[in-house]
Amino acid sequence: MVRELRDQGLTLRRIRKAVEALRRDWPKAGDLGTGARLVTDGKGAWLALDAERLVDLLDNSGQVEWRAVVNVGRLAAQVRSDLAKMSEAA
């Protein structure tokens, strides 16, 4: 995980802070659920609990933030399906 976050541009200091937040707030990995993912833009680090809830790991508030998280795989499948229907109708 650390190597991937470094490859994405996160500094070791920020990775350490994110790991500390994970250990503090979710001491058992099973508490996260199967859909939890770690997300970074190279500057911040968030824990995506599901498709709608993100927790900012580098902000000490520990509050859940509600953001629009797009399921790209499902969106791509829907676009392919819509395009197929349009070509059949043409």
PDB file of N, CA and C in Angstrom:
ATOM      1  N   MET A   1       0.823  -1.178   0.000  1.00  0.00           N
ATOM      2  CA  MET A   1       0.000   0.000   0.000  1.00  0.00           C
ATOM      3  C   MET A   1       0.875   1.253   0.000  1.00  0.00           C
ATOM      4  N   VAL A   2       1.918   1.245   0.805  1.00  0.00           N
ATOM      5  CA  VAL A   2       2.798   2.408   0.889  1.00  0.00           C
ATOM      6  C   VAL A   2       3.448   2.689  -0.456  1.00  0.00           C
ATOM      7  N   ARG A   3       3.919   1.642  -1.107  1.00  0.00           N
ATOM      8  CA  ARG A   3       4.573   1.823  -2.409  1.00  0.00           C
ATOM      9  C   ARG A   3       3.608   2.419  -3.433  1.00  0.00           C
ATOM     10  N   GLU A   4       2.391   1.937  -3.455  1.00  0.00           N
ATOM     11  CA  GLU A   4       1.400   2.459  -4.397  1.00  0.00           C
ATOM     12  C   GLU A   4       1.101   3.931  -4.108  1.00  0.00           C
ATOM     13  N   LEU A   5       0.956   4.290  -2.843  1.00  0.00           N
ATOM     14  CA  LEU A   5       0.696   5.686  -2.486  1.00  0.00           C
ATOM     15  C   LEU A   5       1.881   6.577  -2.847  1.00  0.00           C
ATOM     16  N   ARG A   6       3.108   6.068  -2.642  1.00  0.00           N
ATOM     17  CA  ARG A   6       4.301   6.825  -3.053  1.00  0.00           C
ATOM     18  C   ARG A   6       4.318   7.007  -4.564  1.00  0.00           C
ATOM     19  N   ASP A   7       3.991   5.942  -5.301  1.00  0.00           N
ATOM     20  CA  ASP A   7       3.946   6.029  -6.760  1.00  0.00           C
ATOM     21  C   ASP A   7       2.921   7.055  -7.232  1.00  0.00           C
ATOM     22  N   GLN A   8       1.888   7.269  -6.439  1.00  0.00           N
ATOM     23  CA  GLN A   8       0.851   8.239  -6.779  1.00  0.00           C
ATOM     24  C   GLN A   8       1.207   9.660  -6.333  1.00  0.00           C
ATOM     25  N   GLY A   9       2.365   9.817  -5.665  1.00  0.00           N
ATOM     26  CA  GLY A   9       2.859  11.140  -5.316  1.00  0.00           C
ATOM     27  C   GLY A   9       2.700  11.561  -3.871  1.00  0.00           C
ATOM     28  N   LEU A  10       2.137  10.722  -3.024  1.00  0.00           N
ATOM     29  CA  LEU A  10       1.952  11.066  -1.609  1.00  0.00           C
ATOM     30  C   LEU A  10       3.288  10.974  -0.883  1.00  0.00           C
ATOM     31  N   THR A  11       3.595  11.949  -0.052  1.00  0.00           N
ATOM     32  CA  THR A  11       4.853  11.925   0.697  1.00  0.00           C
ATOM     33  C   THR A  11       4.780  10.891   1.816  1.00  0.00           C
ATOM     34  N   LEU A  12       5.941  10.439   2.270  1.00  0.00           N
ATOM     35  CA  LEU A  12       5.975   9.469   3.368  1.00  0.00           C
ATOM     36  C   LEU A  12       5.344  10.043   4.633  1.00  0.00           C
ATOM     37  N   ARG A  13       5.521  11.310   4.857  1.00  0.00           N
ATOM     38  CA  ARG A  13       4.921  11.951   6.036  1.00  0.00           C
ATOM     39  C   ARG A  13       3.394  11.868   5.980  1.00  0.00           C
ATOM     40  N   ARG A  14       2.817  12.148   4.820  1.00  0.00           N
ATOM     41  CA  ARG A  14       1.360  12.108   4.678  1.00  0.00           C
ATOM     42  C   ARG A  14       0.848  10.667   4.711  1.00  0.00           C
ATOM     43  N   ILE A  15       1.629   9.738   4.177  1.00  0.00           N
ATOM     44  CA  ILE A  15       1.241   8.320   4.242  1.00  0.00           C
ATOM     45  C   ILE A  15       1.220   7.870   5.694  1.00  0.00           C
ATOM     46  N   ARG A  16       2.240   8.245   6.462  1.00  0.00           N
ATOM     47  CA  ARG A  16       2.304   7.890   7.873  1.00  0.00           C
ATOM     48  C   ARG A  16       1.077   8.439   8.615  1.00  0.00           C
ATOM     49  N   LYS A  17       0.708   9.671   8.321  1.00  0.00           N
ATOM     50  CA  LYS A  17      -0.455  10.284   8.962  1.00  0.00           C
ATOM     51  C   LYS A  17      -1.739   9.536   8.594  1.00  0.00           C
ATOM     52  N   ALA A  18      -1.867   9.124   7.339  1.00  0.00           N
ATOM     53  CA  ALA A  18      -3.050   8.372   6.894  1.00  0.00           C
ATOM     54  C   ALA A  18      -3.117   7.008   7.578  1.00  0.00           C
ATOM     55  N   VAL A  19      -1.975   6.329   7.680  1.00  0.00           N
ATOM     56  CA  VAL A  19      -1.929   5.023   8.330  1.00  0.00           C
ATOM     57  C   VAL A  19      -2.282   5.157   9.814  1.00  0.00           C
ATOM     58  N   GLU A  20      -1.791   6.204  10.453  1.00  0.00           N
ATOM     59  CA  GLU A  20      -2.122   6.438  11.864  1.00  0.00           C
ATOM     60  C   GLU A  20      -3.628   6.640  12.033  1.00  0.00           C
ATOM     61  N   ALA A  21      -4.243   7.378  11.124  1.00  0.00           N
ATOM     62  CA  ALA A  21      -5.696   7.593  11.187  1.00  0.00           C
ATOM     63  C   ALA A  21      -6.445   6.286  10.994  1.00  0.00           C
ATOM     64  N   LEU A  22      -5.990   5.454  10.067  1.00  0.00           N
ATOM     65  CA  LEU A  22      -6.626   4.146   9.853  1.00  0.00           C
ATOM     66  C   LEU A  22      -6.522   3.286  11.105  1.00  0.00           C
ATOM     67  N   ARG A  23      -5.346   3.238  11.689  1.00  0.00           N
ATOM     68  CA  ARG A  23      -5.148   2.424  12.896  1.00  0.00           C
ATOM     69  C   ARG A  23      -5.967   2.944  14.072  1.00  0.00           C
ATOM     70  N   ARG A  24      -6.073   4.265  14.180  1.00  0.00           N
ATOM     71  CA  ARG A  24      -6.804   4.870  15.287  1.00  0.00           C
ATOM     72  C   ARG A  24      -8.320   4.654  15.141  1.00  0.00           C
ATOM     73  N   ASP A  25      -8.843   4.903  13.954  1.00  0.00           N
ATOM     74  CA  ASP A  25     -10.292   4.883  13.751  1.00  0.00           C
ATOM     75  C   ASP A  25     -10.847   3.523  13.353  1.00  0.00           C
ATOM     76  N   TRP A  26     -10.024   2.677  12.759  1.00  0.00           N
ATOM     77  CA  TRP A  26     -10.452   1.344  12.339  1.00  0.00           C
ATOM     78  C   TRP A  26      -9.380   0.341  12.736  1.00  0.00           C
ATOM     79  N   PRO A  27      -9.272   0.023  14.019  1.00  0.00           N
ATOM     80  CA  PRO A  27      -8.196  -0.874  14.467  1.00  0.00           C
ATOM     81  C   PRO A  27      -8.309  -2.284  13.897  1.00  0.00           C
ATOM     82  N   LYS A  28      -9.502  -2.683  13.523  1.00  0.00           N
ATOM     83  CA  LYS A  28      -9.684  -4.001  12.923  1.00  0.00           C
ATOM     84  C   LYS A  28     -10.044  -3.817  11.459  1.00  0.00           C
ATOM     85  N   ALA A  29      -9.283  -4.431  10.576  1.00  0.00           N
ATOM     86  CA  ALA A  29      -9.526  -4.282   9.140  1.00  0.00           C
ATOM     87  C   ALA A  29     -10.939  -4.721   8.764  1.00  0.00           C
ATOM     88  N   GLY A  30     -11.482  -5.698   9.473  1.00  0.00           N
ATOM     89  CA  GLY A  30     -12.828  -6.172   9.171  1.00  0.00           C
ATOM     90  C   GLY A  30     -13.900  -5.130   9.414  1.00  0.00           C
ATOM     91  N   ASP A  31     -13.597  -4.104  10.218  1.00  0.00           N
ATOM     92  CA  ASP A  31     -14.561  -3.037  10.477  1.00  0.00           C
ATOM     93  C   ASP A  31     -14.808  -2.175   9.254  1.00  0.00           C
ATOM     94  N   LEU A  32     -13.919  -2.242   8.279  1.00  0.00           N
ATOM     95  CA  LEU A  32     -14.034  -1.393   7.106  1.00  0.00           C
ATOM     96  C   LEU A  32     -15.059  -1.904   6.101  1.00  0.00           C
ATOM     97  N   GLY A  33     -15.307  -3.180   6.082  1.00  0.00           N
ATOM     98  CA  GLY A  33     -16.206  -3.742   5.081  1.00  0.00           C
ATOM     99  C   GLY A  33     -15.451  -4.081   3.815  1.00  0.00           C
ATOM    100  N   THR A  34     -16.069  -4.842   2.961  1.00  0.00           N
ATOM    101  CA  THR A  34     -15.385  -5.326   1.759  1.00  0.00           C
ATOM    102  C   THR A  34     -15.278  -4.275   0.666  1.00  0.00           C
ATOM    103  N   GLY A  35     -16.112  -3.228   0.711  1.00  0.00           N
ATOM    104  CA  GLY A  35     -16.086  -2.220  -0.348  1.00  0.00           C
ATOM    105  C   GLY A  35     -15.158  -1.060  -0.088  1.00  0.00           C
ATOM    106  N   ALA A  36     -14.481  -1.035   1.049  1.00  0.00           N
ATOM    107  CA  ALA A  36     -13.617   0.094   1.393  1.00  0.00           C
ATOM    108  C   ALA A  36     -12.380   0.126   0.508  1.00  0.00           C
ATOM    109  N   ARG A  37     -12.029   1.334   0.072  1.00  0.00           N
ATOM    110  CA  ARG A  37     -10.859   1.530  -0.779  1.00  0.00           C
ATOM    111  C   ARG A  37     -10.112   2.773  -0.323  1.00  0.00           C
ATOM    112  N   LEU A  38      -8.816   2.778  -0.488  1.00  0.00           N
ATOM    113  CA  LEU A  38      -7.996   3.947  -0.204  1.00  0.00           C
ATOM    114  C   LEU A  38      -7.849   4.724  -1.509  1.00  0.00           C
ATOM    115  N   VAL A  39      -8.098   6.034  -1.453  1.00  0.00           N
ATOM    116  CA  VAL A  39      -8.093   6.874  -2.645  1.00  0.00           C
ATOM    117  C   VAL A  39      -7.132   8.033  -2.417  1.00  0.00           C
ATOM    118  N   THR A  40      -6.343   8.386  -3.442  1.00  0.00           N
ATOM    119  CA  THR A  40      -5.447   9.538  -3.333  1.00  0.00           C
ATOM    120  C   THR A  40      -5.417  10.284  -4.654  1.00  0.00           C
ATOM    121  N   ASP A  41      -5.137  11.578  -4.546  1.00  0.00           N
ATOM    122  CA  ASP A  41      -4.888  12.394  -5.730  1.00  0.00           C
ATOM    123  C   ASP A  41      -3.431  12.835  -5.753  1.00  0.00           C
ATOM    124  N   GLY A  42      -2.612  12.231  -4.903  1.00  0.00           N
ATOM    125  CA  GLY A  42      -1.205  12.581  -4.804  1.00  0.00           C
ATOM    126  C   GLY A  42      -0.925  13.605  -3.724  1.00  0.00           C
ATOM    127  N   LYS A  43      -1.988  14.249  -3.219  1.00  0.00           N
ATOM    128  CA  LYS A  43      -1.839  15.230  -2.146  1.00  0.00           C
ATOM    129  C   LYS A  43      -2.643  14.814  -0.922  1.00  0.00           C
ATOM    130  N   GLY A  44      -3.867  14.362  -1.140  1.00  0.00           N
ATOM    131  CA  GLY A  44      -4.735  13.942  -0.049  1.00  0.00           C
ATOM    132  C   GLY A  44      -4.903  12.442  -0.046  1.00  0.00           C
ATOM    133  N   ALA A  45      -5.482  11.942   1.033  1.00  0.00           N
ATOM    134  CA  ALA A  45      -5.759  10.505   1.136  1.00  0.00           C
ATOM    135  C   ALA A  45      -7.129  10.349   1.786  1.00  0.00           C
ATOM    136  N   TRP A  46      -7.978   9.559   1.152  1.00  0.00           N
ATOM    137  CA  TRP A  46      -9.322   9.337   1.647  1.00  0.00           C
ATOM    138  C   TRP A  46      -9.611   7.855   1.718  1.00  0.00           C
ATOM    139  N   LEU A  47     -10.456   7.504   2.647  1.00  0.00           N
ATOM    140  CA  LEU A  47     -10.946   6.146   2.739  1.00  0.00           C
ATOM    141  C   LEU A  47     -12.352   6.173   2.167  1.00  0.00           C
ATOM    142  N   ALA A  48     -12.553   5.482   1.047  1.00  0.00           N
ATOM    143  CA  ALA A  48     -13.877   5.379   0.444  1.00  0.00           C
ATOM    144  C   ALA A  48     -14.565   4.192   1.094  1.00  0.00           C
ATOM    145  N   LEU A  49     -15.506   4.479   1.967  1.00  0.00           N
ATOM    146  CA  LEU A  49     -16.204   3.415   2.691  1.00  0.00           C
ATOM    147  C   LEU A  49     -17.159   2.670   1.775  1.00  0.00           C
ATOM    148  N   ASP A  50     -17.763   3.388   0.852  1.00  0.00           N
ATOM    149  CA  ASP A  50     -18.655   2.808  -0.150  1.00  0.00           C
ATOM    150  C   ASP A  50     -18.748   3.816  -1.290  1.00  0.00           C
ATOM    151  N   ALA A  51     -19.750   3.696  -2.126  1.00  0.00           N
ATOM    152  CA  ALA A  51     -19.847   4.548  -3.309  1.00  0.00           C
ATOM    153  C   ALA A  51     -20.231   5.987  -3.002  1.00  0.00           C
ATOM    154  N   GLU A  52     -20.592   6.284  -1.752  1.00  0.00           N
ATOM    155  CA  GLU A  52     -21.048   7.640  -1.446  1.00  0.00           C
ATOM    156  C   GLU A  52     -20.324   8.305  -0.285  1.00  0.00           C
ATOM    157  N   ARG A  53     -19.543   7.562   0.488  1.00  0.00           N
ATOM    158  CA  ARG A  53     -18.933   8.127   1.687  1.00  0.00           C
ATOM    159  C   ARG A  53     -17.421   8.062   1.648  1.00  0.00           C
ATOM    160  N   LEU A  54     -16.806   9.226   1.847  1.00  0.00           N
ATOM    161  CA  LEU A  54     -15.349   9.333   1.924  1.00  0.00           C
ATOM    162  C   LEU A  54     -14.961   9.881   3.280  1.00  0.00           C
ATOM    163  N   VAL A  55     -13.884   9.368   3.846  1.00  0.00           N
ATOM    164  CA  VAL A  55     -13.336   9.901   5.085  1.00  0.00           C
ATOM    165  C   VAL A  55     -11.965  10.472   4.753  1.00  0.00           C
ATOM    166  N   ASP A  56     -11.764  11.747   5.071  1.00  0.00           N
ATOM    167  CA  ASP A  56     -10.480  12.390   4.843  1.00  0.00           C
ATOM    168  C   ASP A  56      -9.510  11.913   5.906  1.00  0.00           C
ATOM    169  N   LEU A  57      -8.491  11.168   5.514  1.00  0.00           N
ATOM    170  CA  LEU A  57      -7.536  10.604   6.469  1.00  0.00           C
ATOM    171  C   LEU A  57      -6.493  11.610   6.935  1.00  0.00           C
ATOM    172  N   LEU A  58      -6.335  12.706   6.212  1.00  0.00           N
ATOM    173  CA  LEU A  58      -5.318  13.682   6.567  1.00  0.00           C
ATOM    174  C   LEU A  58      -5.900  14.891   7.279  1.00  0.00           C
ATOM    175  N   ASP A  59      -7.194  14.892   7.480  1.00  0.00           N
ATOM    176  CA  ASP A  59      -7.863  15.935   8.264  1.00  0.00           C
ATOM    177  C   ASP A  59      -8.222  15.298   9.600  1.00  0.00           C
ATOM    178  N   ASN A  60      -7.842  15.903  10.686  1.00  0.00           N
ATOM    179  CA  ASN A  60      -8.016  15.296  12.007  1.00  0.00           C
ATOM    180  C   ASN A  60      -9.460  15.192  12.473  1.00  0.00           C
ATOM    181  N   SER A  61     -10.409  15.741  11.722  1.00  0.00           N
ATOM    182  CA  SER A  61     -11.791  15.697  12.192  1.00  0.00           C
ATOM    183  C   SER A  61     -12.344  14.281  12.194  1.00  0.00           C
ATOM    184  N   GLY A  62     -11.882  13.450  11.260  1.00  0.00           N
ATOM    185  CA  GLY A  62     -12.367  12.077  11.182  1.00  0.00           C
ATOM    186  C   GLY A  62     -13.820  11.962  10.751  1.00  0.00           C
ATOM    187  N   GLN A  63     -14.382  13.070  10.298  1.00  0.00           N
ATOM    188  CA  GLN A  63     -15.773  13.055   9.892  1.00  0.00           C
ATOM    189  C   GLN A  63     -15.928  12.467   8.502  1.00  0.00           C
ATOM    190  N   VAL A  64     -17.082  11.859   8.286  1.00  0.00           N
ATOM    191  CA  VAL A  64     -17.396  11.320   6.969  1.00  0.00           C
ATOM    192  C   VAL A  64     -17.819  12.469   6.075  1.00  0.00           C
ATOM    193  N   GLU A  65     -17.256  12.525   4.901  1.00  0.00           N
ATOM    194  CA  GLU A  65     -17.629  13.537   3.920  1.00  0.00           C
ATOM    195  C   GLU A  65     -18.482  12.873   2.856  1.00  0.00           C
ATOM    196  N   TRP A  66     -19.530  13.531   2.468  1.00  0.00           N
ATOM    197  CA  TRP A  66     -20.400  13.016   1.407  1.00  0.00           C
ATOM    198  C   TRP A  66     -19.974  13.675   0.116  1.00  0.00           C
ATOM    199  N   ARG A  67     -19.548  12.876  -0.791  1.00  0.00           N
ATOM    200  CA  ARG A  67     -19.088  13.363  -2.092  1.00  0.00           C
ATOM    201  C   ARG A  67     -19.705  12.502  -3.171  1.00  0.00           C
ATOM    202  N   ALA A  68     -19.646  12.993  -4.367  1.00  0.00           N
ATOM    203  CA  ALA A  68     -20.090  12.190  -5.502  1.00  0.00           C
ATOM    204  C   ALA A  68     -18.932  11.292  -5.918  1.00  0.00           C
ATOM    205  N   VAL A  69     -19.064  10.025  -5.698  1.00  0.00           N
ATOM    206  CA  VAL A  69     -18.057   9.048  -6.105  1.00  0.00           C
ATOM    207  C   VAL A  69     -18.670   8.249  -7.236  1.00  0.00           C
ATOM    208  N   VAL A  70     -18.030   8.243  -8.367  1.00  0.00           N
ATOM    209  CA  VAL A  70     -18.582   7.618  -9.564  1.00  0.00           C
ATOM    210  C   VAL A  70     -18.056   6.197  -9.705  1.00  0.00           C
ATOM    211  N   ASN A  71     -18.963   5.262  -9.889  1.00  0.00           N
ATOM    212  CA  ASN A  71     -18.597   3.886 -10.184  1.00  0.00           C
ATOM    213  C   ASN A  71     -18.353   3.826 -11.691  1.00  0.00           C
ATOM    214  N   VAL A  72     -17.104   3.970 -12.098  1.00  0.00           N
ATOM    215  CA  VAL A  72     -16.762   4.082 -13.512  1.00  0.00           C
ATOM    216  C   VAL A  72     -17.114   2.807 -14.275  1.00  0.00           C
ATOM    217  N   GLY A  73     -16.913   1.656 -13.676  1.00  0.00           N
ATOM    218  CA  GLY A  73     -17.236   0.398 -14.348  1.00  0.00           C
ATOM    219  C   GLY A  73     -18.710   0.306 -14.675  1.00  0.00           C
ATOM    220  N   ARG A  74     -19.562   0.651 -13.718  1.00  0.00           N
ATOM    221  CA  ARG A  74     -21.005   0.598 -13.951  1.00  0.00           C
ATOM    222  C   ARG A  74     -21.417   1.643 -14.974  1.00  0.00           C
ATOM    223  N   LEU A  75     -20.826   2.834 -14.905  1.00  0.00           N
ATOM    224  CA  LEU A  75     -21.130   3.890 -15.861  1.00  0.00           C
ATOM    225  C   LEU A  75     -20.737   3.479 -17.274  1.00  0.00           C
ATOM    226  N   ALA A  76     -19.573   2.882 -17.438  1.00  0.00           N
ATOM    227  CA  ALA A  76     -19.121   2.435 -18.763  1.00  0.00           C
ATOM    228  C   ALA A  76     -20.048   1.361 -19.320  1.00  0.00           C
ATOM    229  N   ALA A  77     -20.489   0.437 -18.477  1.00  0.00           N
ATOM    230  CA  ALA A  77     -21.418  -0.610 -18.920  1.00  0.00           C
ATOM    231  C   ALA A  77     -22.742  -0.001 -19.368  1.00  0.00           C
ATOM    232  N   GLN A  78     -23.207   1.013 -18.645  1.00  0.00           N
ATOM    233  CA  GLN A  78     -24.458   1.670 -19.014  1.00  0.00           C
ATOM    234  C   GLN A  78     -24.325   2.396 -20.354  1.00  0.00           C
ATOM    235  N   VAL A  79     -23.203   3.059 -20.563  1.00  0.00           N
ATOM    236  CA  VAL A  79     -22.972   3.760 -21.831  1.00  0.00           C
ATOM    237  C   VAL A  79     -22.927   2.761 -22.983  1.00  0.00           C
ATOM    238  N   ARG A  80     -22.225   1.641 -22.789  1.00  0.00           N
ATOM    239  CA  ARG A  80     -22.170   0.609 -23.841  1.00  0.00           C
ATOM    240  C   ARG A  80     -23.568   0.081 -24.149  1.00  0.00           C
ATOM    241  N   SER A  81     -24.346  -0.160 -23.123  1.00  0.00           N
ATOM    242  CA  SER A  81     -25.708  -0.659 -23.298  1.00  0.00           C
ATOM    243  C   SER A  81     -26.565   0.357 -24.055  1.00  0.00           C
ATOM    244  N   ASP A  82     -26.463   1.621 -23.666  1.00  0.00           N
ATOM    245  CA  ASP A  82     -27.236   2.670 -24.342  1.00  0.00           C
ATOM    246  C   ASP A  82     -26.828   2.809 -25.797  1.00  0.00           C
ATOM    247  N   LEU A  83     -25.528   2.725 -26.082  1.00  0.00           N
ATOM    248  CA  LEU A  83     -25.058   2.820 -27.469  1.00  0.00           C
ATOM    249  C   LEU A  83     -25.549   1.640 -28.297  1.00  0.00           C
ATOM    250  N   ALA A  84     -25.555   0.448 -27.706  1.00  0.00           N
ATOM    251  CA  ALA A  84     -26.041  -0.727 -28.422  1.00  0.00           C
ATOM    252  C   ALA A  84     -27.527  -0.571 -28.754  1.00  0.00           C
ATOM    253  N   LYS A  85     -28.311  -0.066 -27.819  1.00  0.00           N
ATOM    254  CA  LYS A  85     -29.748   0.154 -28.055  1.00  0.00           C
ATOM    255  C   LYS A  85     -29.959   1.196 -29.141  1.00  0.00           C
ATOM    256  N   MET A  86     -29.142   2.247 -29.148  1.00  0.00           N
ATOM    257  CA  MET A  86     -29.273   3.286 -30.152  1.00  0.00           C
ATOM    258  C   MET A  86     -28.936   2.764 -31.535  1.00  0.00           C
ATOM    259  N   SER A  87     -27.911   1.910 -31.640  1.00  0.00           N
ATOM    260  CA  SER A  87     -27.530   1.382 -32.959  1.00  0.00           C
ATOM    261  C   SER A  87     -28.568   0.372 -33.456  1.00  0.00           C
ATOM    262  N   GLU A  88     -29.228  -0.345 -32.540  1.00  0.00           N
ATOM    263  CA  GLU A  88     -30.288  -1.273 -32.928  1.00  0.00           C
ATOM    264  C   GLU A  88     -31.503  -0.505 -33.433  1.00  0.00           C
ATOM    265  N   ALA A  89     -31.789   0.632 -32.836  1.00  0.00           N
ATOM    266  CA  ALA A  89     -32.965   1.423 -33.216  1.00  0.00           C
ATOM    267  C   ALA A  89     -32.733   2.161 -34.532  1.00  0.00           C
ATOM    268  N   ALA A  90     -31.477   2.366 -34.904  1.00  0.00           N
ATOM    269  CA  ALA A  90     -31.175   3.120 -36.129  1.00  0.00           C
ATOM    270  C   ALA A  90     -31.300   2.321 -37.372  1.00  0.00           C
TER     271      ALA A  90
END
